[in-house]
Amino acid sequence: MEDKHMLMIPGPTPVPEQVLLEMAKHPIGHRSAAFSKIMAEVTENLQWLFQTKNDVFCLAASGTGAMEAGLINFINAGDKVLVGENGKFGERWAIICDTYGMDVERVKAPWGEALDPAIFKAKLEADTAKEIKAVVITHSETSTGVLNDLETISGYVKAHGALMIVDAVTSLGSCNVPTDAWGLDVVASGSQKGFMLPPGLGFVSVSDKAWAAYEHAKIPRFYLDLKSAQKNLAKNTTPFTPPVNLIFGLKASLAMMKREGLENIFARHKRLTEATRAAVKALGLKTFAPDGNASTAVTAVDPAPLGAEDVRKAIAQQFDISLAGGQDDYKGKIFRIGHLGFVHDRDILTAIAALEATLHGLGHTDFESGAGVKAAATVFQKSAS
């Protein structure tokens, strides 16, 4: 049937109708008083979501663009940085740092496992000369469904004095990321995740400590120069032409999030995560990330002996549901179920029921019929009681 496509991937995520309708409005001038009024509201609500008094900038970029801006504005070529690597995106930030000539030390964990905060603690405490200028962490590693212990790691970074630079692309809006309370200096995210928007906007918050580092950062930049963004934000505008209609949608999505409230948003995502993981296990499949470090944005599933791509292809053909695939060495070995943003209990029950039927069709019958839906529904019922 036409127009019944269902996104259950970690980005892009479903977009609410009221947000789509806002985006369908006629554009207005981005230098007009009307647009500046919208930017003022958007900025205030972004600070609410980031839980910060710091500047928060909207960039016409993806989350990768936001992260690149967060690196090149505050670190020099030759500066030593620790980069956590336990998935595709941790690897990406290390590559970006390499590209700009930074002295990168990779702190690794196997894909599917969390970074060990003790390793960061030891390296930072051993750095008595304060050569380490920044630590770069992916909070929610989207490629594996692992949530790293950002709070603990950032505590060690704060004690050392280095900058804490965070990829919060799939964690912001799906779990607690208290920027100021945890002393996070640069936090980047993207619109197509928990923000419930199409792709196209990147967000960056910047602390006073990061701005002090900016004064000594010499990597050439123009479009991604955050000092230019700061000067314009003071006038509720942007240095370059913004995606006006995406900003319309952002205004609406942030208003929706405020009506739901931070604690309710976090509780909903926790509930969806627990239900998805319980259902996957009830179907005789393995969750890729450990229970204690499970992302509230996405669940990675090992369907062996079935092929992950066979599952994805079958559920797409029969039910028009998109699941995400594995990346790099895990392509074909895992699939990923997104449950962030504009996703609710009903969506999980629908996806799990379709997954059950798909598994049966592929010959995987080592579970009682309805076991996945029952497991998910049990989580929802306990949450409601």
Protein backbone atom coordinates (compact mmCIF):
# COMPACT_ATOMS: atom_id res chain seq x y z
CA MET A 1 0.00 0.00 0.00
CA GLU A 2 1.27 3.47 -0.83
CA ASP A 3 2.40 5.86 1.93
CA LYS A 4 2.58 3.24 4.66
CA HIS A 5 6.35 3.22 4.99
CA MET A 6 7.55 2.91 8.59
CA LEU A 7 10.99 4.09 9.68
CA MET A 8 12.49 2.10 12.54
CA ILE A 9 16.07 3.23 12.02
CA PRO A 10 18.27 5.53 14.13
CA GLY A 11 17.98 8.36 11.61
CA PRO A 12 16.23 9.78 9.80
CA THR A 13 13.43 9.22 12.29
CA PRO A 14 9.67 9.73 11.90
CA VAL A 15 8.49 13.35 11.72
CA PRO A 16 5.25 14.50 13.44
CA GLU A 17 2.51 15.87 11.23
CA GLN A 18 2.47 19.24 12.97
CA VAL A 19 6.19 19.60 12.28
CA LEU A 20 5.71 18.72 8.61
CA LEU A 21 2.91 21.24 8.33
CA GLU A 22 5.10 23.98 9.80
CA MET A 23 7.78 23.13 7.27
CA ALA A 24 5.23 23.39 4.46
CA LYS A 25 4.64 27.08 5.16
CA HIS A 26 5.86 29.74 2.75
CA PRO A 27 9.45 30.79 3.56
CA ILE A 28 10.14 34.21 5.06
CA GLY A 29 13.23 36.37 4.85
CA HIS A 30 15.99 35.10 7.08
CA ARG A 31 17.01 38.69 7.88
CA SER A 32 13.50 39.72 8.89
CA ALA A 33 12.28 40.61 12.36
CA ALA A 34 9.83 37.72 12.15
CA PHE A 35 12.61 35.20 11.60
CA SER A 36 14.73 36.69 14.39
CA LYS A 37 11.80 36.20 16.75
CA ILE A 38 11.65 32.52 15.77
CA MET A 39 15.41 32.15 16.25
CA ALA A 40 15.18 33.64 19.73
CA GLU A 41 12.56 31.07 20.74
CA VAL A 42 14.48 28.22 19.11
CA THR A 43 17.70 29.19 20.89
CA GLU A 44 16.01 29.35 24.28
CA ASN A 45 14.44 25.93 23.76
CA LEU A 46 17.71 24.42 22.50
CA GLN A 47 19.36 25.58 25.72
CA TRP A 48 16.54 23.88 27.63
CA LEU A 49 17.08 20.62 25.76
CA PHE A 50 20.88 20.78 26.08
CA GLN A 51 20.42 21.70 29.75
CA THR A 52 22.88 24.56 29.40
CA LYS A 53 23.31 28.30 29.73
CA ASN A 54 25.93 28.13 26.98
CA ASP A 55 25.52 29.26 23.40
CA VAL A 56 23.81 26.65 21.20
CA PHE A 57 24.18 27.11 17.46
CA CYS A 58 22.12 25.84 14.52
CA LEU A 59 24.25 24.93 11.51
CA ALA A 60 23.09 23.95 8.06
CA ALA A 61 24.92 20.64 8.38
CA SER A 62 24.58 17.06 9.52
CA GLY A 63 25.77 15.82 12.89
CA THR A 64 29.16 15.16 11.30
CA GLY A 65 29.37 18.82 10.29
CA ALA A 66 28.47 19.86 13.82
CA MET A 67 31.19 17.60 15.22
CA GLU A 68 33.77 18.88 12.73
CA ALA A 69 32.95 22.44 13.79
CA GLY A 70 33.30 21.37 17.41
CA LEU A 71 36.79 20.07 16.73
CA ILE A 72 38.38 22.63 14.42
CA ASN A 73 37.27 25.70 16.38
CA PHE A 74 39.01 24.66 19.59
CA ILE A 75 41.94 22.35 18.80
CA ASN A 76 45.15 23.00 16.87
CA ALA A 77 47.09 20.81 14.51
CA GLY A 78 49.64 19.00 16.65
CA ASP A 79 47.49 19.10 19.78
CA LYS A 80 47.14 15.79 21.57
CA VAL A 81 43.58 14.44 21.77
CA LEU A 82 42.17 11.21 23.17
CA VAL A 83 39.39 9.78 21.01
CA GLY A 84 37.16 6.95 22.23
CA GLU A 85 36.65 4.28 19.56
CA ASN A 86 34.12 1.50 20.00
CA GLY A 87 32.18 1.85 16.78
CA LYS A 88 31.85 3.59 13.43
CA PHE A 89 31.40 7.10 14.75
CA GLY A 90 34.21 7.07 17.27
CA GLU A 91 36.40 5.98 14.37
CA ARG A 92 35.06 8.85 12.27
CA TRP A 93 36.02 11.51 14.81
CA ALA A 94 39.53 10.10 15.02
CA ILE A 95 39.79 10.28 11.22
CA ILE A 96 38.63 13.92 11.24
CA CYS A 97 41.25 14.74 13.88
CA ASP A 98 43.88 12.96 11.77
CA THR A 99 42.79 14.95 8.74
CA TYR A 100 43.47 18.23 10.53
CA GLY A 101 46.86 17.10 11.77
CA MET A 102 46.00 16.57 15.43
CA ASP A 103 48.02 14.14 17.53
CA VAL A 104 45.40 11.42 18.02
CA GLU A 105 45.55 8.69 20.61
CA ARG A 106 42.76 6.18 20.16
CA VAL A 107 41.24 4.61 23.27
CA LYS A 108 39.54 1.50 21.94
CA ALA A 109 37.00 -1.09 22.96
CA PRO A 110 35.57 -3.86 20.76
CA TRP A 111 32.42 -3.04 18.81
CA GLY A 112 29.48 -3.96 21.00
CA GLU A 113 31.28 -3.08 24.24
CA ALA A 114 31.45 0.19 26.18
CA LEU A 115 34.56 2.30 26.55
CA ASP A 116 36.35 1.72 29.86
CA PRO A 117 36.39 4.98 31.88
CA ALA A 118 39.35 3.69 33.92
CA ILE A 119 41.58 3.85 30.83
CA PHE A 120 40.76 7.52 30.34
CA LYS A 121 41.35 8.16 34.05
CA ALA A 122 44.78 6.57 33.93
CA LYS A 123 45.87 8.41 30.79
CA LEU A 124 44.64 11.77 32.06
CA GLU A 125 46.22 11.36 35.49
CA ALA A 126 49.52 10.34 33.89
CA ASP A 127 49.51 13.50 31.78
CA THR A 128 51.14 15.76 34.37
CA ALA A 129 52.45 18.05 31.62
CA LYS A 130 48.86 18.68 30.47
CA GLU A 131 49.66 17.78 26.87
CA ILE A 132 46.19 16.33 26.30
CA LYS A 133 44.05 19.20 25.05
CA ALA A 134 40.75 17.39 24.47
CA VAL A 135 38.90 14.13 24.91
CA VAL A 136 36.37 13.16 22.23
CA ILE A 137 33.60 10.72 23.09
CA THR A 138 30.60 9.33 21.23
CA HIS A 139 27.92 9.13 23.93
CA SER A 140 25.50 6.82 22.10
CA GLU A 141 27.44 4.78 19.54
CA THR A 142 24.78 4.48 16.86
CA SER A 143 26.57 1.74 14.95
CA THR A 144 26.40 -0.74 17.83
CA GLY A 145 23.66 0.43 20.21
CA VAL A 146 26.15 1.03 23.06
CA LEU A 147 25.79 3.92 25.52
CA ASN A 148 29.18 5.00 26.87
CA ASP A 149 29.60 6.26 30.44
CA LEU A 150 29.95 9.91 29.55
CA GLU A 151 29.30 11.20 33.06
CA THR A 152 32.22 9.29 34.57
CA ILE A 153 34.62 10.02 31.72
CA SER A 154 33.74 13.72 31.71
CA GLY A 155 34.46 13.87 35.44
CA TYR A 156 38.01 12.69 34.80
CA VAL A 157 38.39 15.15 31.95
CA LYS A 158 37.16 18.04 34.08
CA ALA A 159 39.66 17.17 36.83
CA HIS A 160 42.46 17.18 34.24
CA GLY A 161 41.45 20.43 32.56
CA ALA A 162 41.17 19.22 28.95
CA LEU A 163 38.15 19.98 26.79
CA MET A 164 35.30 17.45 26.80
CA ILE A 165 33.96 17.19 23.24
CA VAL A 166 30.86 15.04 22.82
CA ASP A 167 29.02 13.41 19.95
CA ALA A 168 25.48 13.45 21.35
CA VAL A 169 23.90 12.89 17.94
CA THR A 170 21.64 10.04 19.04
CA SER A 171 21.74 10.59 22.80
CA LEU A 172 20.46 14.16 22.98
CA GLY A 173 16.69 13.94 23.25
CA SER A 174 16.72 10.22 24.02
CA CYS A 175 18.52 10.21 27.37
CA ASN A 176 19.82 12.63 29.96
CA VAL A 177 22.67 14.84 28.68
CA PRO A 178 23.05 17.60 31.31
CA THR A 179 25.66 19.70 29.55
CA ASP A 180 26.45 22.13 32.36
CA ALA A 181 26.13 19.67 35.26
CA TRP A 182 28.57 17.26 33.64
CA GLY A 183 30.98 19.97 32.49
CA LEU A 184 30.67 19.19 28.79
CA ASP A 185 32.51 21.81 26.75
CA VAL A 186 31.35 21.05 23.20
CA VAL A 187 28.20 19.00 22.52
CA ALA A 188 27.08 18.23 18.97
CA SER A 189 23.85 16.72 17.66
CA GLY A 190 21.73 16.50 14.51
CA SER A 191 18.13 17.20 13.54
CA GLN A 192 17.19 13.80 12.12
CA LYS A 193 17.42 11.96 15.45
CA GLY A 194 15.70 12.84 18.72
CA PHE A 195 14.71 16.26 17.36
CA MET A 196 12.01 14.64 15.17
CA LEU A 197 13.05 16.55 12.05
CA PRO A 198 14.35 15.67 8.59
CA PRO A 199 18.14 15.82 8.12
CA GLY A 200 19.78 19.17 7.52
CA LEU A 201 20.49 20.88 10.85
CA GLY A 202 23.44 20.38 13.15
CA PHE A 203 23.60 21.76 16.68
CA VAL A 204 26.63 22.70 18.77
CA SER A 205 26.81 24.00 22.34
CA VAL A 206 30.01 25.73 23.46
CA SER A 207 31.23 26.39 27.01
CA ASP A 208 33.25 29.36 28.27
CA LYS A 209 36.29 27.06 28.60
CA ALA A 210 35.96 26.12 24.95
CA TRP A 211 35.72 29.78 23.95
CA ALA A 212 39.00 30.41 25.81
CA ALA A 213 40.58 27.64 23.72
CA TYR A 214 39.12 29.22 20.57
CA GLU A 215 41.43 32.23 21.04
CA HIS A 216 44.45 29.97 20.48
CA ALA A 217 43.01 27.69 17.77
CA LYS A 218 44.57 28.36 14.38
CA ILE A 219 43.02 25.80 12.02
CA PRO A 220 41.58 27.76 9.06
CA ARG A 221 37.79 27.85 8.96
CA PHE A 222 35.14 30.03 7.38
CA TYR A 223 31.67 28.53 7.05
CA LEU A 224 32.15 26.54 10.26
CA ASP A 225 33.66 29.43 12.25
CA LEU A 226 31.63 29.40 15.47
CA LYS A 227 32.79 32.86 16.55
CA SER A 228 30.95 34.22 13.52
CA ALA A 229 27.92 32.18 14.57
CA GLN A 230 28.18 33.58 18.09
CA LYS A 231 28.23 37.19 16.90
CA ASN A 232 25.14 36.60 14.79
CA LEU A 233 23.32 34.61 17.46
CA ALA A 234 23.55 37.65 19.73
CA LYS A 235 21.25 39.33 17.17
CA ASN A 236 19.04 36.23 16.80
CA THR A 237 20.29 35.52 13.32
CA THR A 238 22.83 33.36 11.49
CA PRO A 239 25.98 34.30 9.55
CA PHE A 240 24.80 32.56 6.38
CA THR A 241 21.47 31.63 4.83
CA PRO A 242 19.82 29.05 7.09
CA PRO A 243 17.32 26.36 5.99
CA VAL A 244 14.37 28.55 6.96
CA ASN A 245 11.70 25.89 6.73
CA LEU A 246 13.71 23.44 8.82
CA ILE A 247 13.89 26.15 11.47
CA PHE A 248 10.09 26.41 11.29
CA GLY A 249 9.93 22.68 11.93
CA LEU A 250 12.50 22.92 14.73
CA LYS A 251 10.39 25.53 16.48
CA ALA A 252 7.43 23.14 16.41
CA SER A 253 9.38 20.04 17.44
CA LEU A 254 11.04 21.77 20.38
CA ALA A 255 7.65 23.05 21.52
CA MET A 256 6.35 19.47 21.40
CA MET A 257 9.30 18.28 23.44
CA LYS A 258 8.79 20.97 26.06
CA ARG A 259 5.14 20.00 26.42
CA GLU A 260 6.21 16.39 27.00
CA GLY A 261 8.94 17.42 29.42
CA LEU A 262 12.51 16.17 29.75
CA GLU A 263 11.83 13.51 32.37
CA ASN A 264 8.93 12.11 30.36
CA ILE A 265 11.03 12.07 27.19
CA PHE A 266 13.80 10.15 28.93
CA ALA A 267 11.32 7.75 30.57
CA ARG A 268 9.63 7.05 27.22
CA HIS A 269 12.91 6.22 25.53
CA LYS A 270 13.97 4.01 28.43
CA ARG A 271 10.64 2.18 28.20
CA LEU A 272 10.97 1.68 24.45
CA THR A 273 14.51 0.38 24.88
CA GLU A 274 13.55 -2.11 27.57
CA ALA A 275 10.56 -3.33 25.56
CA THR A 276 12.59 -3.76 22.37
CA ARG A 277 15.39 -5.63 24.10
CA ALA A 278 12.95 -7.88 25.97
CA ALA A 279 11.14 -8.68 22.73
CA VAL A 280 14.34 -9.44 20.83
CA LYS A 281 15.47 -11.87 23.52
CA ALA A 282 12.02 -13.51 23.64
CA LEU A 283 12.38 -14.18 19.91
CA GLY A 284 15.59 -16.11 20.48
CA LEU A 285 17.84 -13.40 19.09
CA LYS A 286 20.83 -11.73 20.73
CA THR A 287 21.15 -8.06 21.60
CA PHE A 288 24.55 -6.80 20.49
CA ALA A 289 25.17 -4.32 23.34
CA PRO A 290 25.20 -5.34 27.02
CA ASP A 291 22.16 -4.51 29.14
CA GLY A 292 24.12 -2.14 31.39
CA ASN A 293 25.31 -0.01 28.47
CA ALA A 294 22.32 -0.10 26.12
CA SER A 295 21.61 2.97 24.03
CA THR A 296 18.12 4.39 24.46
CA ALA A 297 18.15 5.37 20.79
CA VAL A 298 18.82 2.11 18.96
CA THR A 299 19.04 -1.62 19.63
CA ALA A 300 21.49 -3.67 17.60
CA VAL A 301 20.46 -7.30 17.04
CA ASP A 302 22.52 -10.36 16.13
CA PRO A 303 20.07 -12.70 14.32
CA ALA A 304 22.55 -15.56 13.72
CA PRO A 305 22.20 -18.07 12.18
CA LEU A 306 19.94 -15.90 10.02
CA GLY A 307 21.57 -13.24 7.88
CA ALA A 308 20.82 -9.71 9.03
CA GLU A 309 20.31 -8.50 5.47
CA ASP A 310 17.83 -11.31 4.84
CA VAL A 311 15.77 -10.12 7.80
CA ARG A 312 15.91 -6.48 6.69
CA LYS A 313 14.98 -7.32 3.11
CA ALA A 314 12.06 -9.54 4.11
CA ILE A 315 10.53 -7.13 6.62
CA ALA A 316 10.83 -4.29 4.11
CA GLN A 317 9.19 -6.27 1.31
CA GLN A 318 6.31 -7.70 3.33
CA PHE A 319 5.62 -4.94 5.83
CA ASP A 320 7.33 -1.82 4.39
CA ILE A 321 9.31 -1.36 7.61
CA SER A 322 12.89 -0.09 7.44
CA LEU A 323 15.44 -1.49 9.85
CA ALA A 324 19.06 -0.32 9.75
CA GLY A 325 21.90 -2.60 8.77
CA GLY A 326 25.29 -3.22 10.33
CA GLN A 327 28.32 -1.20 9.28
CA ASP A 328 31.85 -2.12 8.22
CA ASP A 329 32.80 -5.57 9.58
CA TYR A 330 29.29 -6.03 10.97
CA LYS A 331 27.47 -5.47 7.70
CA GLY A 332 25.23 -8.47 7.20
CA LYS A 333 25.85 -9.66 10.77
CA ILE A 334 23.58 -7.33 12.76
CA PHE A 335 20.55 -5.17 12.14
CA ARG A 336 19.48 -2.16 14.17
CA ILE A 337 16.05 -1.11 15.41
CA GLY A 338 15.73 2.61 15.98
CA HIS A 339 13.44 3.79 18.78
CA LEU A 340 14.14 7.47 19.25
CA GLY A 341 12.33 10.68 18.51
CA PHE A 342 8.70 10.45 17.39
CA VAL A 343 8.32 6.80 18.41
CA HIS A 344 5.88 5.39 20.94
CA ASP A 345 4.74 2.05 22.37
CA ARG A 346 2.46 1.29 19.42
CA ASP A 347 5.35 1.58 16.98
CA ILE A 348 7.40 -0.96 18.93
CA LEU A 349 4.51 -3.43 19.10
CA THR A 350 3.94 -3.07 15.35
CA ALA A 351 7.61 -3.54 14.50
CA ILE A 352 8.02 -6.52 16.81
CA ALA A 353 4.89 -8.23 15.45
CA ALA A 354 6.22 -7.74 11.91
CA LEU A 355 9.63 -9.04 12.98
CA GLU A 356 8.02 -12.18 14.45
CA ALA A 357 6.21 -12.90 11.19
CA THR A 358 9.38 -12.21 9.22
CA LEU A 359 11.43 -14.60 11.34
CA HIS A 360 8.81 -17.33 10.88
CA GLY A 361 8.92 -16.77 7.14
CA LEU A 362 12.69 -17.19 7.18
CA GLY A 363 12.43 -20.47 9.07
CA HIS A 364 13.34 -19.20 12.53
CA THR A 365 10.65 -20.74 14.75
CA ASP A 366 12.49 -21.30 18.04
CA PHE A 367 10.03 -19.21 20.00
CA GLU A 368 6.41 -19.35 21.02
CA SER A 369 4.12 -17.46 18.66
CA GLY A 370 3.48 -13.99 20.05
CA ALA A 371 6.43 -14.16 22.46
CA GLY A 372 8.02 -10.93 21.26
CA VAL A 373 4.85 -8.88 21.41
CA LYS A 374 4.03 -10.35 24.83
CA ALA A 375 7.47 -9.44 26.19
CA ALA A 376 7.22 -5.87 24.91
CA ALA A 377 3.64 -5.48 26.14
CA THR A 378 4.68 -6.70 29.60
CA VAL A 379 7.26 -3.90 29.83
CA PHE A 380 4.65 -1.35 28.77
CA GLN A 381 2.11 -2.65 31.28
CA LYS A 382 4.61 -2.46 34.13
CA SER A 383 5.49 1.10 33.17
CA ALA A 384 1.82 2.09 33.15
CA SER A 385 1.08 0.58 36.57
